[in-house]
Amino acid sequence: MEYFDYFSYDKVTTGSELEEEHFEGVTS
């Protein structure tokens, strides 16, 4: 459960806890 909590939508919308390497190759 901790793993899925780490990659939840709440983390994406609220803060910058995720590192940039997780979004490598993702563009608009």
PDB file of all heavy atoms in Angstrom:
ATOM      1  N   MET A   1       0.834  -1.203   0.000  1.00  0.00           N
ATOM      2  CA  MET A   1       0.000   0.000   0.000  1.00  0.00           C
ATOM      3  C   MET A   1       0.866   1.249   0.000  1.00  0.00           C
ATOM      4  O   MET A   1       0.512   2.253  -0.602  1.00  0.00           O
ATOM      5  CB  MET A   1      -0.921  -0.013   1.215  1.00  0.00           C
ATOM      6  CG  MET A   1      -2.003  -1.098   1.164  1.00  0.00           C
ATOM      7  SD  MET A   1      -3.127  -0.863  -0.211  1.00  0.00           S
ATOM      8  CE  MET A   1      -3.903   0.658   0.312  1.00  0.00           C
ATOM      9  N   GLU A   2       2.004   1.206   0.665  1.00  0.00           N
ATOM     10  CA  GLU A   2       2.877   2.376   0.720  1.00  0.00           C
ATOM     11  C   GLU A   2       3.383   2.735  -0.678  1.00  0.00           C
ATOM     12  O   GLU A   2       3.519   3.901  -1.037  1.00  0.00           O
ATOM     13  CB  GLU A   2       4.054   2.102   1.661  1.00  0.00           C
ATOM     14  CG  GLU A   2       3.635   1.916   3.109  1.00  0.00           C
ATOM     15  CD  GLU A   2       4.834   1.632   3.994  1.00  0.00           C
ATOM     16  OE1 GLU A   2       5.945   1.557   3.441  1.00  0.00           O
ATOM     17  OE2 GLU A   2       4.637   1.504   5.217  1.00  0.00           O
ATOM     18  N   TYR A   3       3.641   1.726  -1.473  1.00  0.00           N
ATOM     19  CA  TYR A   3       4.155   1.968  -2.830  1.00  0.00           C
ATOM     20  C   TYR A   3       3.112   2.720  -3.666  1.00  0.00           C
ATOM     21  O   TYR A   3       3.415   3.691  -4.352  1.00  0.00           O
ATOM     22  CB  TYR A   3       4.511   0.636  -3.492  1.00  0.00           C
ATOM     23  CG  TYR A   3       5.010   0.774  -4.914  1.00  0.00           C
ATOM     24  CD1 TYR A   3       6.319   1.162  -5.183  1.00  0.00           C
ATOM     25  CD2 TYR A   3       4.147   0.542  -5.974  1.00  0.00           C
ATOM     26  CE1 TYR A   3       6.750   1.296  -6.484  1.00  0.00           C
ATOM     27  CE2 TYR A   3       4.574   0.668  -7.283  1.00  0.00           C
ATOM     28  CZ  TYR A   3       5.890   1.040  -7.533  1.00  0.00           C
ATOM     29  OH  TYR A   3       6.330   1.169  -8.814  1.00  0.00           O
ATOM     30  N   PHE A   4       1.853   2.285  -3.577  1.00  0.00           N
ATOM     31  CA  PHE A   4       0.805   2.932  -4.356  1.00  0.00           C
ATOM     32  C   PHE A   4       0.478   4.305  -3.802  1.00  0.00           C
ATOM     33  O   PHE A   4       0.101   5.202  -4.558  1.00  0.00           O
ATOM     34  CB  PHE A   4      -0.448   2.055  -4.390  1.00  0.00           C
ATOM     35  CG  PHE A   4      -0.269   0.812  -5.205  1.00  0.00           C
ATOM     36  CD1 PHE A   4      -0.105  -0.425  -4.598  1.00  0.00           C
ATOM     37  CD2 PHE A   4      -0.233   0.887  -6.585  1.00  0.00           C
ATOM     38  CE1 PHE A   4       0.064  -1.555  -5.357  1.00  0.00           C
ATOM     39  CE2 PHE A   4      -0.064  -0.257  -7.353  1.00  0.00           C
ATOM     40  CZ  PHE A   4       0.092  -1.475  -6.732  1.00  0.00           C
ATOM     41  N   ASP A   5       0.612   4.472  -2.491  1.00  0.00           N
ATOM     42  CA  ASP A   5       0.393   5.795  -1.900  1.00  0.00           C
ATOM     43  C   ASP A   5       1.434   6.781  -2.404  1.00  0.00           C
ATOM     44  O   ASP A   5       1.154   7.959  -2.608  1.00  0.00           O
ATOM     45  CB  ASP A   5       0.438   5.707  -0.376  1.00  0.00           C
ATOM     46  CG  ASP A   5      -0.774   4.964   0.164  1.00  0.00           C
ATOM     47  OD1 ASP A   5      -1.764   4.874  -0.606  1.00  0.00           O
ATOM     48  OD2 ASP A   5      -0.718   4.460   1.299  1.00  0.00           O
ATOM     49  N   TYR A   6       2.632   6.301  -2.638  1.00  0.00           N
ATOM     50  CA  TYR A   6       3.722   7.172  -3.080  1.00  0.00           C
ATOM     51  C   TYR A   6       3.447   7.729  -4.480  1.00  0.00           C
ATOM     52  O   TYR A   6       3.789   8.863  -4.801  1.00  0.00           O
ATOM     53  CB  TYR A   6       5.035   6.385  -3.069  1.00  0.00           C
ATOM     54  CG  TYR A   6       6.243   7.218  -3.425  1.00  0.00           C
ATOM     55  CD1 TYR A   6       6.732   8.163  -2.533  1.00  0.00           C
ATOM     56  CD2 TYR A   6       6.863   7.051  -4.648  1.00  0.00           C
ATOM     57  CE1 TYR A   6       7.853   8.923  -2.864  1.00  0.00           C
ATOM     58  CE2 TYR A   6       7.974   7.801  -4.993  1.00  0.00           C
ATOM     59  CZ  TYR A   6       8.477   8.741  -4.087  1.00  0.00           C
ATOM     60  OH  TYR A   6       9.572   9.496  -4.417  1.00  0.00           O
ATOM     61  N   PHE A   7       2.777   6.915  -5.305  1.00  0.00           N
ATOM     62  CA  PHE A   7       2.478   7.331  -6.672  1.00  0.00           C
ATOM     63  C   PHE A   7       1.003   7.672  -6.839  1.00  0.00           C
ATOM     64  O   PHE A   7       0.418   7.411  -7.869  1.00  0.00           O
ATOM     65  CB  PHE A   7       2.855   6.230  -7.661  1.00  0.00           C
ATOM     66  CG  PHE A   7       4.333   6.052  -7.825  1.00  0.00           C
ATOM     67  CD1 PHE A   7       5.013   5.042  -7.184  1.00  0.00           C
ATOM     68  CD2 PHE A   7       5.049   6.927  -8.629  1.00  0.00           C
ATOM     69  CE1 PHE A   7       6.369   4.889  -7.325  1.00  0.00           C
ATOM     70  CE2 PHE A   7       6.420   6.765  -8.792  1.00  0.00           C
ATOM     71  CZ  PHE A   7       7.084   5.759  -8.139  1.00  0.00           C
ATOM     72  N   SER A   8       0.375   8.204  -5.833  1.00  0.00           N
ATOM     73  CA  SER A   8      -1.032   8.569  -5.921  1.00  0.00           C
ATOM     74  C   SER A   8      -1.178   9.926  -6.613  1.00  0.00           C
ATOM     75  O   SER A   8      -0.221  10.681  -6.752  1.00  0.00           O
ATOM     76  CB  SER A   8      -1.667   8.610  -4.528  1.00  0.00           C
ATOM     77  OG  SER A   8      -1.061   9.645  -3.774  1.00  0.00           O
ATOM     78  N   TYR A   9      -2.417  10.232  -7.027  1.00  0.00           N
ATOM     79  CA  TYR A   9      -2.684  11.509  -7.695  1.00  0.00           C
ATOM     80  C   TYR A   9      -2.544  12.683  -6.729  1.00  0.00           C
ATOM     81  O   TYR A   9      -2.285  13.806  -7.152  1.00  0.00           O
ATOM     82  CB  TYR A   9      -4.089  11.493  -8.304  1.00  0.00           C
ATOM     83  CG  TYR A   9      -4.188  10.674  -9.560  1.00  0.00           C
ATOM     84  CD1 TYR A   9      -4.760   9.411  -9.543  1.00  0.00           C
ATOM     85  CD2 TYR A   9      -3.700  11.168 -10.762  1.00  0.00           C
ATOM     86  CE1 TYR A   9      -4.839   8.649 -10.687  1.00  0.00           C
ATOM     87  CE2 TYR A   9      -3.777  10.415 -11.916  1.00  0.00           C
ATOM     88  CZ  TYR A   9      -4.340   9.168 -11.877  1.00  0.00           C
ATOM     89  OH  TYR A   9      -4.415   8.428 -13.026  1.00  0.00           O
ATOM     90  N   ASP A  10      -2.730  12.416  -5.442  1.00  0.00           N
ATOM     91  CA  ASP A  10      -2.594  13.501  -4.456  1.00  0.00           C
ATOM     92  C   ASP A  10      -1.179  14.058  -4.447  1.00  0.00           C
ATOM     93  O   ASP A  10      -0.962  15.263  -4.349  1.00  0.00           O
ATOM     94  CB  ASP A  10      -2.967  12.993  -3.058  1.00  0.00           C
ATOM     95  CG  ASP A  10      -4.422  12.565  -2.999  1.00  0.00           C
ATOM     96  OD1 ASP A  10      -5.203  13.087  -3.829  1.00  0.00           O
ATOM     97  OD2 ASP A  10      -4.762  11.709  -2.160  1.00  0.00           O
ATOM     98  N   LYS A  11      -0.210  13.186  -4.556  1.00  0.00           N
ATOM     99  CA  LYS A  11       1.180  13.619  -4.574  1.00  0.00           C
ATOM    100  C   LYS A  11       1.482  14.464  -5.804  1.00  0.00           C
ATOM    101  O   LYS A  11       2.250  15.414  -5.737  1.00  0.00           O
ATOM    102  CB  LYS A  11       2.103  12.398  -4.554  1.00  0.00           C
ATOM    103  CG  LYS A  11       1.936  11.501  -3.339  1.00  0.00           C
ATOM    104  CD  LYS A  11       2.494  12.156  -2.095  1.00  0.00           C
ATOM    105  CE  LYS A  11       2.409  11.207  -0.897  1.00  0.00           C
ATOM    106  NZ  LYS A  11       2.955  11.836   0.328  1.00  0.00           N
ATOM    107  N   VAL A  12       0.870  14.095  -6.919  1.00  0.00           N
ATOM    108  CA  VAL A  12       1.143  14.813  -8.169  1.00  0.00           C
ATOM    109  C   VAL A  12       0.541  16.199  -8.121  1.00  0.00           C
ATOM    110  O   VAL A  12       1.131  17.174  -8.567  1.00  0.00           O
ATOM    111  CB  VAL A  12       0.579  14.031  -9.372  1.00  0.00           C
ATOM    112  CG1 VAL A  12       0.764  14.813 -10.666  1.00  0.00           C
ATOM    113  CG2 VAL A  12       1.269  12.686  -9.481  1.00  0.00           C
ATOM    114  N   THR A  13      -0.623  16.333  -7.553  1.00  0.00           N
ATOM    115  CA  THR A  13      -1.316  17.620  -7.601  1.00  0.00           C
ATOM    116  C   THR A  13      -0.841  18.574  -6.513  1.00  0.00           C
ATOM    117  O   THR A  13      -0.829  19.780  -6.705  1.00  0.00           O
ATOM    118  CB  THR A  13      -2.821  17.406  -7.447  1.00  0.00           C
ATOM    119  OG1 THR A  13      -3.070  16.661  -6.255  1.00  0.00           O
ATOM    120  CG2 THR A  13      -3.365  16.628  -8.633  1.00  0.00           C
ATOM    121  N   THR A  14      -0.461  18.059  -5.375  1.00  0.00           N
ATOM    122  CA  THR A  14      -0.190  18.940  -4.230  1.00  0.00           C
ATOM    123  C   THR A  14       1.244  19.424  -4.164  1.00  0.00           C
ATOM    124  O   THR A  14       1.513  20.612  -4.047  1.00  0.00           O
ATOM    125  CB  THR A  14      -0.525  18.218  -2.926  1.00  0.00           C
ATOM    126  OG1 THR A  14       0.227  16.987  -2.886  1.00  0.00           O
ATOM    127  CG2 THR A  14      -2.007  17.878  -2.867  1.00  0.00           C
ATOM    128  N   GLY A  15       2.188  18.548  -4.293  1.00  0.00           N
ATOM    129  CA  GLY A  15       3.541  18.990  -4.019  1.00  0.00           C
ATOM    130  C   GLY A  15       4.561  18.492  -5.007  1.00  0.00           C
ATOM    131  O   GLY A  15       4.246  17.931  -6.043  1.00  0.00           O
ATOM    132  N   SER A  16       5.796  18.682  -4.641  1.00  0.00           N
ATOM    133  CA  SER A  16       6.915  18.316  -5.527  1.00  0.00           C
ATOM    134  C   SER A  16       7.750  17.210  -4.886  1.00  0.00           C
ATOM    135  O   SER A  16       8.975  17.258  -4.920  1.00  0.00           O
ATOM    136  CB  SER A  16       7.775  19.544  -5.799  1.00  0.00           C
ATOM    137  OG  SER A  16       8.256  20.087  -4.586  1.00  0.00           O
ATOM    138  N   GLU A  17       7.083  16.286  -4.202  1.00  0.00           N
ATOM    139  CA  GLU A  17       7.815  15.204  -3.561  1.00  0.00           C
ATOM    140  C   GLU A  17       8.373  14.209  -4.578  1.00  0.00           C
ATOM    141  O   GLU A  17       9.335  13.510  -4.313  1.00  0.00           O
ATOM    142  CB  GLU A  17       6.897  14.486  -2.566  1.00  0.00           C
ATOM    143  CG  GLU A  17       6.432  15.385  -1.423  1.00  0.00           C
ATOM    144  CD  GLU A  17       5.590  14.604  -0.444  1.00  0.00           C
ATOM    145  OE1 GLU A  17       5.611  13.360  -0.549  1.00  0.00           O
ATOM    146  OE2 GLU A  17       4.930  15.222   0.396  1.00  0.00           O
ATOM    147  N   LEU A  18       7.695  14.108  -5.755  1.00  0.00           N
ATOM    148  CA  LEU A  18       8.206  13.219  -6.793  1.00  0.00           C
ATOM    149  C   LEU A  18       9.399  13.855  -7.494  1.00  0.00           C
ATOM    150  O   LEU A  18       9.407  15.055  -7.773  1.00  0.00           O
ATOM    151  CB  LEU A  18       7.114  12.916  -7.818  1.00  0.00           C
ATOM    152  CG  LEU A  18       5.933  12.090  -7.302  1.00  0.00           C
ATOM    153  CD1 LEU A  18       4.875  11.984  -8.393  1.00  0.00           C
ATOM    154  CD2 LEU A  18       6.384  10.706  -6.889  1.00  0.00           C
ATOM    155  N   GLU A  19      10.361  13.055  -7.779  1.00  0.00           N
ATOM    156  CA  GLU A  19      11.550  13.565  -8.451  1.00  0.00           C
ATOM    157  C   GLU A  19      11.308  13.681  -9.954  1.00  0.00           C
ATOM    158  O   GLU A  19      10.407  13.067 -10.519  1.00  0.00           O
ATOM    159  CB  GLU A  19      12.719  12.611  -8.187  1.00  0.00           C
ATOM    160  CG  GLU A  19      13.051  12.482  -6.698  1.00  0.00           C
ATOM    161  CD  GLU A  19      14.189  11.503  -6.476  1.00  0.00           C
ATOM    162  OE1 GLU A  19      14.685  10.972  -7.485  1.00  0.00           O
ATOM    163  OE2 GLU A  19      14.551  11.286  -5.311  1.00  0.00           O
ATOM    164  N   GLU A  20      12.152  14.446 -10.628  1.00  0.00           N
ATOM    165  CA  GLU A  20      11.985  14.701 -12.066  1.00  0.00           C
ATOM    166  C   GLU A  20      12.256  13.442 -12.899  1.00  0.00           C
ATOM    167  O   GLU A  20      11.746  13.300 -14.000  1.00  0.00           O
ATOM    168  CB  GLU A  20      12.919  15.819 -12.517  1.00  0.00           C
ATOM    169  CG  GLU A  20      12.566  17.170 -11.924  1.00  0.00           C
ATOM    170  CD  GLU A  20      13.481  18.256 -12.461  1.00  0.00           C
ATOM    171  OE1 GLU A  20      14.384  17.907 -13.272  1.00  0.00           O
ATOM    172  OE2 GLU A  20      13.294  19.426 -12.102  1.00  0.00           O
ATOM    173  N   GLU A  21      13.066  12.525 -12.379  1.00  0.00           N
ATOM    174  CA  GLU A  21      13.392  11.329 -13.160  1.00  0.00           C
ATOM    175  C   GLU A  21      12.176  10.451 -13.405  1.00  0.00           C
ATOM    176  O   GLU A  21      12.122   9.672 -14.359  1.00  0.00           O
ATOM    177  CB  GLU A  21      14.457  10.523 -12.444  1.00  0.00           C
ATOM    178  CG  GLU A  21      14.024  10.028 -11.066  1.00  0.00           C
ATOM    179  CD  GLU A  21      15.138   9.267 -10.366  1.00  0.00           C
ATOM    180  OE1 GLU A  21      16.276   9.319 -10.843  1.00  0.00           O
ATOM    181  OE2 GLU A  21      14.835   8.637  -9.343  1.00  0.00           O
ATOM    182  N   HIS A  22      11.144  10.592 -12.562  1.00  0.00           N
ATOM    183  CA  HIS A  22       9.937   9.815 -12.772  1.00  0.00           C
ATOM    184  C   HIS A  22       9.163  10.287 -13.992  1.00  0.00           C
ATOM    185  O   HIS A  22       8.331   9.566 -14.528  1.00  0.00           O
ATOM    186  CB  HIS A  22       9.032   9.881 -11.528  1.00  0.00           C
ATOM    187  CG  HIS A  22       9.639   9.216 -10.324  1.00  0.00           C
ATOM    188  ND1 HIS A  22      10.076   9.932  -9.229  1.00  0.00           N
ATOM    189  CD2 HIS A  22       9.898   7.915 -10.048  1.00  0.00           C
ATOM    190  CE1 HIS A  22      10.574   9.099  -8.329  1.00  0.00           C
ATOM    191  NE2 HIS A  22      10.476   7.864  -8.795  1.00  0.00           N
ATOM    192  N   PHE A  23       9.382  11.521 -14.434  1.00  0.00           N
ATOM    193  CA  PHE A  23       8.665  12.094 -15.571  1.00  0.00           C
ATOM    194  C   PHE A  23       9.567  12.246 -16.790  1.00  0.00           C
ATOM    195  O   PHE A  23       9.285  13.034 -17.683  1.00  0.00           O
ATOM    196  CB  PHE A  23       8.093  13.469 -15.199  1.00  0.00           C
ATOM    197  CG  PHE A  23       7.092  13.406 -14.077  1.00  0.00           C
ATOM    198  CD1 PHE A  23       7.473  13.706 -12.772  1.00  0.00           C
ATOM    199  CD2 PHE A  23       5.785  13.040 -14.323  1.00  0.00           C
ATOM    200  CE1 PHE A  23       6.561  13.646 -11.739  1.00  0.00           C
ATOM    201  CE2 PHE A  23       4.871  12.982 -13.288  1.00  0.00           C
ATOM    202  CZ  PHE A  23       5.253  13.279 -11.996  1.00  0.00           C
ATOM    203  N   GLU A  24      10.631  11.490 -16.851  1.00  0.00           N
ATOM    204  CA  GLU A  24      11.533  11.590 -17.995  1.00  0.00           C
ATOM    205  C   GLU A  24      10.845  11.067 -19.258  1.00  0.00           C
ATOM    206  O   GLU A  24      10.280   9.968 -19.270  1.00  0.00           O
ATOM    207  CB  GLU A  24      12.797  10.765 -17.735  1.00  0.00           C
ATOM    208  CG  GLU A  24      13.825  10.905 -18.845  1.00  0.00           C
ATOM    209  CD  GLU A  24      15.089  10.103 -18.548  1.00  0.00           C
ATOM    210  OE1 GLU A  24      15.164   9.527 -17.433  1.00  0.00           O
ATOM    211  OE2 GLU A  24      15.966  10.067 -19.394  1.00  0.00           O
ATOM    212  N   GLY A  25      10.881  11.839 -20.312  1.00  0.00           N
ATOM    213  CA  GLY A  25      10.235  11.474 -21.562  1.00  0.00           C
ATOM    214  C   GLY A  25       8.781  11.855 -21.649  1.00  0.00           C
ATOM    215  O   GLY A  25       8.150  11.677 -22.699  1.00  0.00           O
ATOM    216  N   VAL A  26       8.190  12.391 -20.589  1.00  0.00           N
ATOM    217  CA  VAL A  26       6.791  12.795 -20.588  1.00  0.00           C
ATOM    218  C   VAL A  26       6.720  14.275 -20.932  1.00  0.00           C
ATOM    219  O   VAL A  26       7.295  15.122 -20.242  1.00  0.00           O
ATOM    220  CB  VAL A  26       6.128  12.534 -19.226  1.00  0.00           C
ATOM    221  CG1 VAL A  26       4.667  12.999 -19.247  1.00  0.00           C
ATOM    222  CG2 VAL A  26       6.203  11.060 -18.885  1.00  0.00           C
ATOM    223  N   THR A  27       6.056  14.590 -22.050  1.00  0.00           N
ATOM    224  CA  THR A  27       5.907  15.982 -22.488  1.00  0.00           C
ATOM    225  C   THR A  27       4.439  16.254 -22.783  1.00  0.00           C
ATOM    226  O   THR A  27       3.592  15.363 -22.708  1.00  0.00           O
ATOM    227  CB  THR A  27       6.745  16.250 -23.756  1.00  0.00           C
ATOM    228  OG1 THR A  27       6.249  15.427 -24.809  1.00  0.00           O
ATOM    229  CG2 THR A  27       8.221  15.911 -23.513  1.00  0.00           C
ATOM    230  N   SER A  28       4.171  17.486 -23.143  1.00  0.00           N
ATOM    231  CA  SER A  28       2.805  17.874 -23.488  1.00  0.00           C
ATOM    232  C   SER A  28       2.471  17.556 -24.939  1.00  0.00           C
ATOM    233  O   SER A  28       1.353  17.807 -25.382  1.00  0.00           O
ATOM    234  CB  SER A  28       2.629  19.385 -23.247  1.00  0.00           C
ATOM    235  OG  SER A  28       3.554  20.105 -24.051  1.00  0.00           O
TER     236      SER A  28
END
